[in-house]
Amino acid sequence: MNRGLVMAQSIENNVISTVFPQVTNTVGLIDETRCRGLVSRLVKALSIKVPDVRLPVNTLSGGTPSGCRLLNGWRLPRGY
């Protein structure tokens, strides 16, 4: 997938769109617990201040969408 943001989608959806293998179970369905944990760790690691990762990106202000863009392009190290 390209590294652009889908502004109408949530921060969480934008992040997981680039890391599907890390958040899916053995049958290819998204594991919600794994997804929330991964997104939470990435938001914390990049010090991005968001009230809720389920908010659409276009509701954010200031530099926060730029931080989300970083998350969207993030390449995870093995085992993250």
Protein backbone atom coordinates (compact mmCIF):
# COMPACT_ATOMS: atom_id res chain seq x y z
CA MET A 1 0.00 0.00 0.00
CA ASN A 2 1.15 3.56 -0.62
CA ARG A 3 2.11 5.69 2.35
CA GLY A 4 -0.69 8.23 2.18
CA LEU A 5 -3.38 8.81 4.77
CA VAL A 6 -7.06 8.14 4.25
CA MET A 7 -8.27 11.24 6.07
CA ALA A 8 -11.82 9.97 6.66
CA GLN A 9 -10.54 6.76 8.27
CA SER A 10 -9.40 6.34 11.85
CA ILE A 11 -5.80 6.63 12.97
CA GLU A 12 -5.95 2.95 13.86
CA ASN A 13 -7.16 1.92 10.39
CA ASN A 14 -4.48 4.01 8.72
CA VAL A 15 -1.77 2.36 10.80
CA ILE A 16 -2.95 -1.23 10.41
CA SER A 17 -3.27 -0.83 6.65
CA THR A 18 0.52 -1.02 6.45
CA VAL A 19 1.11 -3.80 9.00
CA PHE A 20 -1.57 -6.41 8.24
CA PRO A 21 0.66 -9.45 8.88
CA GLN A 22 1.36 -8.24 12.42
CA VAL A 23 -2.32 -7.79 13.35
CA THR A 24 -4.03 -10.75 11.69
CA ASN A 25 -4.66 -14.19 13.12
CA THR A 26 -3.97 -17.53 11.47
CA VAL A 27 -7.07 -17.34 9.25
CA GLY A 28 -6.35 -13.77 8.10
CA LEU A 29 -8.84 -11.91 10.28
CA ILE A 30 -7.80 -8.81 12.20
CA ASP A 31 -7.03 -9.59 15.84
CA GLU A 32 -8.53 -6.57 17.65
CA THR A 33 -6.41 -7.04 20.79
CA ARG A 34 -3.19 -7.28 18.82
CA CYS A 35 -4.23 -4.32 16.68
CA ARG A 36 -4.99 -2.04 19.65
CA GLY A 37 -1.77 -3.02 21.39
CA LEU A 38 0.36 -2.37 18.32
CA VAL A 39 -1.23 0.99 17.55
CA SER A 40 -0.97 2.03 21.19
CA ARG A 41 2.76 1.17 21.31
CA LEU A 42 3.45 3.06 18.08
CA VAL A 43 1.53 6.17 19.20
CA LYS A 44 3.45 6.13 22.48
CA ALA A 45 6.83 5.51 20.81
CA LEU A 46 6.38 8.53 18.54
CA SER A 47 4.86 10.71 21.30
CA ILE A 48 1.76 11.46 19.24
CA LYS A 49 -0.95 13.04 21.34
CA VAL A 50 -4.40 11.83 20.30
CA PRO A 51 -7.51 11.51 22.47
CA ASP A 52 -8.62 8.30 20.77
CA VAL A 53 -7.02 6.29 17.94
CA ARG A 54 -10.50 5.50 16.61
CA LEU A 55 -11.01 9.15 15.58
CA PRO A 56 -10.83 9.99 11.87
CA VAL A 57 -7.55 11.64 10.92
CA ASN A 58 -9.41 14.65 9.47
CA THR A 59 -10.71 15.56 12.96
CA LEU A 60 -7.20 16.14 14.29
CA SER A 61 -5.53 19.52 14.47
CA GLY A 62 -2.05 20.98 14.30
CA GLY A 63 0.81 18.61 13.59
CA THR A 64 -1.02 15.49 14.73
CA PRO A 65 -1.95 14.39 11.17
CA SER A 66 1.77 14.59 10.33
CA GLY A 67 2.50 12.26 13.22
CA CYS A 68 -0.15 9.89 11.90
CA ARG A 69 1.53 10.02 8.51
CA LEU A 70 4.71 8.80 10.23
CA LEU A 71 2.78 5.95 11.80
CA ASN A 72 1.30 5.06 8.43
CA GLY A 73 4.75 4.77 6.86
CA TRP A 74 6.35 3.06 9.84
CA ARG A 75 8.15 -0.19 9.12
CA LEU A 76 8.09 -2.38 12.18
CA PRO A 77 11.17 -4.21 13.37
CA ARG A 78 10.78 -7.97 13.74
CA GLY A 79 8.84 -8.98 16.82
CA TYR A 80 7.41 -5.52 17.51
